[in-house]
Amino acid sequence: MPRLGFLLHLDRDLSPAESYRHAIELFQLAEELGYDSGWVIQRHFRQGKEHVSAPLVLLAAIAQHTSRIRLGTGVLVLPLEDPLVVAEQATTLDALSGGRLELGVGSGPFPGAWEAFGKDLADRHRLWDASVARLHEILEGKALNSLGEVLHPPGAGVRDRLWQATTSDPRLAHAAAIAAARAGDGLQLSRATSWRSSSPFADQASWISAYLAALPAGTPPRIQVSRAVYPHPSPSAALEAVTPGVRRWQSWQASAAGLPVPEYLAKDHALLGPAAGIAAALNADPALRHVTDLLVSFVPGVPDLAEHRRLLTSTARDLAPLLTFGGSWASPSSPPEEAAA
C-alpha cells in the first residue's frame, strides 16, 4: 500500500514566527491522523509567497514536537548550497529526530535566487550533477580531507533516504529519472500540470517506467508523486475557497496571467470537490500505478489554519479510504475531537 504524505505550503501573509508555529501544529495533527510523512518546500526571499528558506531548521523544530511522522524536504535546492554543509545539517537533524528525515533535493527554478547566490541559472544542470554526486560521496563516508576525516554524524541512514526531484522539462526528465534510479535514490515527481506539457500524466508514467527499468537489482523502488487536492462537500464552495490562491499565483506566473479561475484549475489539474470525485480521478491517474508515496498538497488554495486542519482531516478520513491504486488504503485512526470539529 502506498504511503500518504502532505506537502506544506506556508504562503499566507503572516509573520514568519506565526507561520512556523502553524507548521508545527499541522505536523502534529497529521501525525495524529496517521499520515506517514510531511514535507516542506524551500523558497528564498518569499518567492512564491513562501516563508521557508531554511527547511532543515524548520524540520528540526517540528521534530521536537512529533515522534513518528517522517520529515521531508520537497525540495531543498541543492546547487545553491554547499553539499557538505547540507550533509552535516541533514545528519544532525536525522539524529535529533530518531532517523525520520527524508532528504529530497532538486535544482530549483527561481532566477532571482540563483542571482543572489552568485550562480548562473544557465549552468543549472551541470551544477546539479556535480552537487548531487558530491552529496552522495559525503553521505557514503568518503574521506573529506588529507587527514581522512569523514562526515559526522554518519550519513548512511540519510543516504538510504535520499530523493531526487526530476525536472518538469519533458526533454530532460526521462534521463533524470534514470540517473536517480542508477544512484539508488528515490524519485520525486511534482504535480502534473499542463503548463509545460499537453500530456503530463502520460509523461510522468513514462518517467516512472524508465526509473523502474534502471534500478539496480535488489534496490527497492521509491517513487513519490505529488497531486493537488482540495476535498470539500461543495464544488462551488471549493472553487470560492481557492480563488484567492489562484489570483495570487497568477500574479507571479506569467503564463497564467488573465486566465479565468476554472480554466487555470483545469490546466493546473487541481482536483476540487467531494472526496469521491477526487478519488476517482486519482484512481484513474496512470502515473500513480506504481507509486510508493502519494504526496497531497492543497494548492493553489491559501488556507488559514482552521481550513488547513479541515483539509488534512478530510484527506485522511474521507479521501484516502477511497483510493485503490497500489493496493487498498486503510483509513487512518480517528482524529482528535478538535480536528473533527
Protein backbone atom coordinates (compact mmCIF):
# COMPACT_ATOMS: atom_id res chain seq x y z
CA MET A 1 0.00 0.00 0.00
CA PRO A 2 1.43 3.46 -0.86
CA ARG A 3 2.31 5.81 1.95
CA LEU A 4 0.38 9.05 2.41
CA GLY A 5 2.21 12.33 2.87
CA PHE A 6 1.36 16.02 2.65
CA LEU A 7 3.32 18.94 1.27
CA LEU A 8 3.08 22.06 3.40
CA HIS A 9 2.95 25.48 1.80
CA LEU A 10 3.40 28.38 4.23
CA ASP A 11 2.26 31.15 1.90
CA ARG A 12 -0.16 33.21 3.95
CA ASP A 13 0.60 36.84 4.76
CA LEU A 14 1.55 36.15 8.36
CA SER A 15 4.73 36.77 10.29
CA PRO A 16 7.39 34.08 9.87
CA ALA A 17 7.14 33.17 13.54
CA GLU A 18 3.38 32.60 13.35
CA SER A 19 3.75 30.61 10.14
CA TYR A 20 6.31 28.32 11.76
CA ARG A 21 4.03 27.78 14.77
CA HIS A 22 1.29 26.78 12.35
CA ALA A 23 3.67 24.33 10.67
CA ILE A 24 4.35 22.62 13.98
CA GLU A 25 0.61 22.38 14.74
CA LEU A 26 -0.17 20.94 11.30
CA PHE A 27 2.56 18.31 11.53
CA GLN A 28 1.29 17.32 14.96
CA LEU A 29 -2.24 16.95 13.60
CA ALA A 30 -1.02 14.99 10.57
CA GLU A 31 0.83 12.60 12.87
CA GLU A 32 -2.35 12.09 14.93
CA LEU A 33 -4.33 11.46 11.73
CA GLY A 34 -1.96 8.74 10.59
CA TYR A 35 -0.06 10.48 7.79
CA ASP A 36 3.22 8.73 7.07
CA SER A 37 5.15 11.88 6.19
CA GLY A 38 5.05 15.65 5.97
CA TRP A 39 7.21 17.70 3.61
CA VAL A 40 8.23 21.35 3.43
CA ILE A 41 9.45 23.25 0.40
CA GLN A 42 12.31 25.74 0.09
CA ARG A 43 11.90 29.23 -1.30
CA HIS A 44 14.23 32.18 -0.86
CA PHE A 45 13.11 35.79 -0.40
CA ARG A 46 9.38 34.92 -0.29
CA GLN A 47 9.45 33.66 -3.86
CA GLY A 48 6.09 32.01 -4.38
CA LYS A 49 4.97 33.94 -1.27
CA GLU A 50 6.55 31.23 0.90
CA HIS A 51 8.23 31.62 4.29
CA VAL A 52 10.57 28.60 4.27
CA SER A 53 14.13 29.50 3.27
CA ALA A 54 15.76 27.05 5.71
CA PRO A 55 13.72 23.82 5.60
CA LEU A 56 16.12 21.73 7.71
CA VAL A 57 15.94 24.29 10.51
CA LEU A 58 12.14 24.26 10.41
CA LEU A 59 12.04 20.46 10.38
CA ALA A 60 14.37 20.34 13.38
CA ALA A 61 11.81 22.38 15.32
CA ILE A 62 8.98 20.15 14.11
CA ALA A 63 10.97 17.07 15.11
CA GLN A 64 10.92 18.18 18.74
CA HIS A 65 7.10 18.27 18.74
CA THR A 66 6.44 14.97 16.91
CA SER A 67 7.57 11.39 17.39
CA ARG A 68 6.58 9.24 14.40
CA ILE A 69 5.80 11.17 11.23
CA ARG A 70 8.64 11.28 8.71
CA LEU A 71 10.09 14.70 7.92
CA GLY A 72 10.80 15.55 4.29
CA THR A 73 12.17 18.32 2.12
CA GLY A 74 10.21 18.79 -1.08
CA VAL A 75 12.70 20.04 -2.14
CA LEU A 76 15.96 21.54 -0.91
CA VAL A 77 17.65 23.42 -3.79
CA LEU A 78 20.99 21.65 -3.70
CA PRO A 79 23.04 23.56 -6.33
CA LEU A 80 22.67 26.75 -4.30
CA GLU A 81 24.12 25.05 -1.22
CA ASP A 82 27.45 23.54 -0.16
CA PRO A 83 26.77 19.77 -0.20
CA LEU A 84 29.00 19.27 2.84
CA VAL A 85 27.03 21.80 4.89
CA VAL A 86 23.78 20.19 3.73
CA ALA A 87 25.07 16.76 4.75
CA GLU A 88 26.12 17.95 8.21
CA GLN A 89 22.82 19.67 8.85
CA ALA A 90 20.81 16.76 7.47
CA THR A 91 22.55 14.10 9.55
CA THR A 92 22.26 16.25 12.67
CA LEU A 93 18.52 16.62 12.06
CA ASP A 94 18.26 12.89 11.41
CA ALA A 95 19.92 12.15 14.75
CA LEU A 96 17.68 14.63 16.56
CA SER A 97 14.53 13.15 15.02
CA GLY A 98 15.36 9.49 15.58
CA GLY A 99 16.07 8.72 11.92
CA ARG A 100 12.98 10.36 10.42
CA LEU A 101 14.50 12.65 7.77
CA GLU A 102 13.58 12.12 4.11
CA LEU A 103 16.01 14.34 2.19
CA GLY A 104 14.58 15.46 -1.14
CA VAL A 105 16.87 17.57 -3.31
CA GLY A 106 16.34 19.35 -6.62
CA SER A 107 17.69 22.13 -8.79
CA GLY A 108 15.06 24.85 -8.28
CA PRO A 109 13.72 27.26 -10.90
CA PHE A 110 13.68 30.80 -9.47
CA PRO A 111 16.22 33.02 -11.33
CA GLY A 112 16.36 35.58 -8.53
CA ALA A 113 17.67 33.02 -6.06
CA TRP A 114 20.42 31.94 -8.44
CA GLU A 115 21.47 35.54 -8.95
CA ALA A 116 21.54 36.23 -5.20
CA PHE A 117 23.71 33.19 -4.55
CA GLY A 118 26.11 34.14 -7.32
CA LYS A 119 25.19 31.17 -9.54
CA ASP A 120 24.34 31.07 -13.24
CA LEU A 121 20.91 29.59 -13.91
CA ALA A 122 22.06 28.65 -17.40
CA ASP A 123 24.60 26.34 -15.73
CA ARG A 124 21.89 24.78 -13.60
CA HIS A 125 22.04 21.20 -14.87
CA ARG A 126 25.85 20.89 -14.73
CA LEU A 127 25.90 22.29 -11.20
CA TRP A 128 23.10 19.90 -10.21
CA ASP A 129 25.02 16.86 -11.47
CA ALA A 130 28.17 17.94 -9.63
CA SER A 131 26.42 18.79 -6.36
CA VAL A 132 24.36 15.60 -6.14
CA ALA A 133 27.43 13.47 -6.93
CA ARG A 134 29.31 15.27 -4.16
CA LEU A 135 26.43 14.75 -1.70
CA HIS A 136 26.44 11.03 -2.47
CA GLU A 137 30.17 10.77 -1.74
CA ILE A 138 29.88 12.67 1.54
CA LEU A 139 26.92 10.65 2.84
CA GLU A 140 28.63 7.40 1.85
CA GLY A 141 31.59 8.19 4.11
CA LYS A 142 34.28 9.24 1.64
CA ALA A 143 37.31 10.88 3.25
CA LEU A 144 36.88 14.66 3.16
CA ASN A 145 40.46 15.82 3.65
CA SER A 146 44.07 14.62 3.83
CA LEU A 147 43.51 13.61 7.47
CA GLY A 148 40.96 11.03 6.39
CA GLU A 149 38.14 12.71 8.31
CA VAL A 150 34.60 11.76 7.33
CA LEU A 151 31.13 13.11 7.85
CA HIS A 152 29.85 13.22 11.41
CA PRO A 153 27.16 12.37 12.36
CA PRO A 154 27.46 9.47 9.90
CA GLY A 155 25.33 9.70 6.78
CA ALA A 156 24.40 6.11 5.92
CA GLY A 157 20.81 6.46 7.10
CA VAL A 158 20.21 9.71 5.22
CA ARG A 159 21.88 8.25 2.13
CA ASP A 160 19.28 5.49 2.14
CA ARG A 161 16.53 8.11 2.33
CA LEU A 162 17.77 10.48 -0.35
CA TRP A 163 15.33 11.55 -3.08
CA GLN A 164 15.95 13.30 -6.37
CA ALA A 165 13.28 15.61 -7.75
CA THR A 166 13.34 15.42 -11.53
CA THR A 167 12.95 18.46 -13.71
CA SER A 168 9.47 19.02 -15.11
CA ASP A 169 11.01 19.69 -18.53
CA PRO A 170 9.90 16.72 -20.66
CA ARG A 171 13.10 16.98 -22.70
CA LEU A 172 15.27 16.22 -19.67
CA ALA A 173 13.09 14.35 -17.18
CA HIS A 174 13.50 10.88 -18.71
CA ALA A 175 17.29 10.98 -18.30
CA ALA A 176 16.93 12.49 -14.81
CA ALA A 177 14.68 9.62 -13.72
CA ILE A 178 17.24 7.10 -14.97
CA ALA A 179 20.05 8.92 -13.13
CA ALA A 180 18.09 8.83 -9.87
CA ALA A 181 17.48 5.10 -10.29
CA ARG A 182 21.10 4.27 -11.03
CA ALA A 183 22.11 6.14 -7.87
CA GLY A 184 19.59 4.11 -5.86
CA ASP A 185 17.75 7.28 -4.89
CA GLY A 186 14.03 7.84 -4.62
CA LEU A 187 12.23 9.59 -7.47
CA GLN A 188 10.18 12.71 -6.71
CA LEU A 189 7.69 13.94 -9.29
CA SER A 190 5.86 17.23 -8.85
CA ARG A 191 2.22 17.95 -9.62
CA ALA A 192 1.15 17.06 -13.16
CA THR A 193 0.12 20.28 -14.88
CA SER A 194 -0.36 21.39 -18.46
CA TRP A 195 1.93 24.41 -18.19
CA ARG A 196 4.86 22.59 -19.83
CA SER A 197 3.26 19.53 -21.42
CA SER A 198 -0.05 18.62 -23.03
CA SER A 199 0.14 15.08 -21.61
CA PRO A 200 1.67 15.38 -18.12
CA PHE A 201 0.17 12.18 -16.69
CA ALA A 202 1.45 10.05 -19.55
CA ASP A 203 4.83 11.80 -19.35
CA GLN A 204 5.16 11.01 -15.67
CA ALA A 205 4.11 7.40 -16.22
CA SER A 206 6.87 7.03 -18.82
CA TRP A 207 9.48 8.55 -16.48
CA ILE A 208 8.43 6.13 -13.75
CA SER A 209 8.78 3.21 -16.16
CA ALA A 210 12.28 4.39 -17.07
CA TYR A 211 13.16 4.70 -13.38
CA LEU A 212 11.95 1.19 -12.58
CA ALA A 213 13.83 -0.29 -15.52
CA ALA A 214 17.09 1.39 -14.47
CA LEU A 215 17.05 0.45 -10.77
CA PRO A 216 19.96 -1.79 -9.75
CA ALA A 217 18.94 -5.36 -8.95
CA GLY A 218 17.69 -5.70 -5.40
CA THR A 219 17.11 -1.97 -4.90
CA PRO A 220 13.55 -1.31 -3.73
CA PRO A 221 11.81 1.46 -5.68
CA ARG A 222 10.84 4.69 -4.00
CA ILE A 223 8.50 6.75 -6.16
CA GLN A 224 6.74 9.83 -4.86
CA VAL A 225 4.13 11.69 -6.90
CA SER A 226 2.50 14.93 -5.80
CA ARG A 227 -1.10 15.85 -6.57
CA ALA A 228 -3.11 18.99 -5.77
CA VAL A 229 -6.37 18.17 -3.99
CA TYR A 230 -8.99 20.26 -2.22
CA PRO A 231 -11.66 17.99 -0.73
CA HIS A 232 -14.89 19.79 0.03
CA PRO A 233 -18.54 18.65 0.02
CA SER A 234 -19.47 21.59 -2.21
CA PRO A 235 -17.66 22.14 -5.55
CA SER A 236 -18.80 25.77 -5.64
CA ALA A 237 -17.53 26.39 -2.11
CA ALA A 238 -14.20 24.74 -3.00
CA LEU A 239 -13.89 26.98 -6.05
CA GLU A 240 -14.57 30.04 -3.92
CA ALA A 241 -12.02 28.91 -1.36
CA VAL A 242 -9.17 28.51 -3.84
CA THR A 243 -9.89 31.61 -5.96
CA PRO A 244 -7.72 33.98 -3.85
CA GLY A 245 -4.86 31.49 -4.14
CA VAL A 246 -5.27 31.25 -7.90
CA ARG A 247 -5.19 35.03 -8.23
CA ARG A 248 -2.13 35.12 -6.03
CA TRP A 249 -0.31 32.53 -8.12
CA GLN A 250 -1.27 34.33 -11.31
CA SER A 251 0.43 37.47 -10.00
CA TRP A 252 3.85 35.81 -10.38
CA GLN A 253 3.10 33.14 -13.01
CA ALA A 254 3.25 34.99 -16.33
CA SER A 255 1.94 32.09 -18.41
CA ALA A 256 -1.28 32.06 -16.36
CA ALA A 257 -1.99 35.79 -16.23
CA GLY A 258 -5.60 36.65 -17.02
CA LEU A 259 -6.95 33.10 -17.18
CA PRO A 260 -10.41 32.57 -15.66
CA VAL A 261 -10.12 30.60 -12.43
CA PRO A 262 -11.83 27.41 -13.76
CA GLU A 263 -9.52 27.42 -16.79
CA TYR A 264 -6.49 27.89 -14.56
CA LEU A 265 -7.54 24.96 -12.37
CA ALA A 266 -8.07 22.77 -15.42
CA LYS A 267 -4.55 23.48 -16.70
CA ASP A 268 -3.18 23.00 -13.19
CA HIS A 269 -5.04 19.67 -12.83
CA ALA A 270 -6.09 20.66 -9.31
CA LEU A 271 -8.80 18.31 -8.00
CA LEU A 272 -11.59 20.08 -6.12
CA GLY A 273 -14.88 18.98 -4.62
CA PRO A 274 -16.27 15.85 -2.96
CA ALA A 275 -13.80 13.14 -1.98
CA ALA A 276 -15.44 10.53 -4.24
CA GLY A 277 -14.78 12.57 -7.38
CA ILE A 278 -11.19 13.30 -6.38
CA ALA A 279 -10.60 9.63 -5.61
CA ALA A 280 -12.00 8.57 -9.00
CA ALA A 281 -9.56 10.91 -10.76
CA LEU A 282 -6.60 9.70 -8.71
CA ASN A 283 -7.51 6.05 -9.22
CA ALA A 284 -7.54 6.61 -12.98
CA ASP A 285 -4.22 8.50 -13.00
CA PRO A 286 -1.69 6.39 -14.97
CA ALA A 287 1.27 7.90 -13.15
CA LEU A 288 0.03 6.59 -9.78
CA ARG A 289 0.00 2.89 -10.61
CA HIS A 290 3.50 2.21 -9.29
CA VAL A 291 3.94 4.93 -6.66
CA THR A 292 5.18 4.12 -3.19
CA ASP A 293 4.28 7.56 -1.81
CA LEU A 294 1.37 9.87 -2.63
CA LEU A 295 2.04 13.46 -1.66
CA VAL A 296 -1.02 15.70 -1.42
CA SER A 297 -0.91 19.47 -1.41
CA PHE A 298 -3.75 21.94 -1.08
CA VAL A 299 -2.54 24.46 -3.65
CA PRO A 300 -3.49 26.73 -5.26
CA GLY A 301 -5.54 27.47 -2.17
CA VAL A 302 -4.03 29.52 0.64
CA PRO A 303 -5.91 28.02 3.58
CA ASP A 304 -5.89 29.55 7.03
CA LEU A 305 -5.04 27.33 9.97
CA ALA A 306 -8.59 26.09 10.60
CA GLU A 307 -9.15 25.30 6.92
CA HIS A 308 -5.77 23.61 6.69
CA ARG A 309 -6.74 21.38 9.60
CA ARG A 310 -10.02 20.55 7.88
CA LEU A 311 -8.24 19.68 4.63
CA LEU A 312 -5.75 17.40 6.37
CA THR A 313 -8.57 15.68 8.24
CA SER A 314 -10.83 15.26 5.21
CA THR A 315 -8.00 13.91 3.07
CA ALA A 316 -7.12 11.30 5.68
CA ARG A 317 -10.67 10.40 6.71
CA ASP A 318 -12.73 10.81 3.52
CA LEU A 319 -10.34 10.61 0.56
CA ALA A 320 -7.63 8.10 1.47
CA PRO A 321 -10.04 5.18 2.16
CA LEU A 322 -11.44 5.55 -1.40
CA LEU A 323 -8.06 5.19 -3.12
CA THR A 324 -7.45 1.85 -4.83
CA PHE A 325 -4.25 2.28 -6.84
CA GLY A 326 -1.28 0.39 -5.44
CA GLY A 327 -3.47 -1.75 -3.17
CA SER A 328 -6.05 -0.88 -0.55
CA TRP A 329 -5.64 2.18 1.63
CA ALA A 330 -6.54 1.81 5.28
CA SER A 331 -8.47 4.59 6.96
CA PRO A 332 -6.23 6.42 9.46
CA SER A 333 -7.17 6.43 13.09
CA SER A 334 -9.90 8.79 14.24
CA PRO A 335 -8.76 12.38 14.59
CA PRO A 336 -8.86 14.21 17.91
CA GLU A 337 -12.13 15.97 18.68
CA GLU A 338 -10.71 19.42 17.91
CA ALA A 339 -9.64 18.27 14.43
CA ALA A 340 -13.07 16.84 13.66
CA ALA A 341 -14.90 19.93 14.83
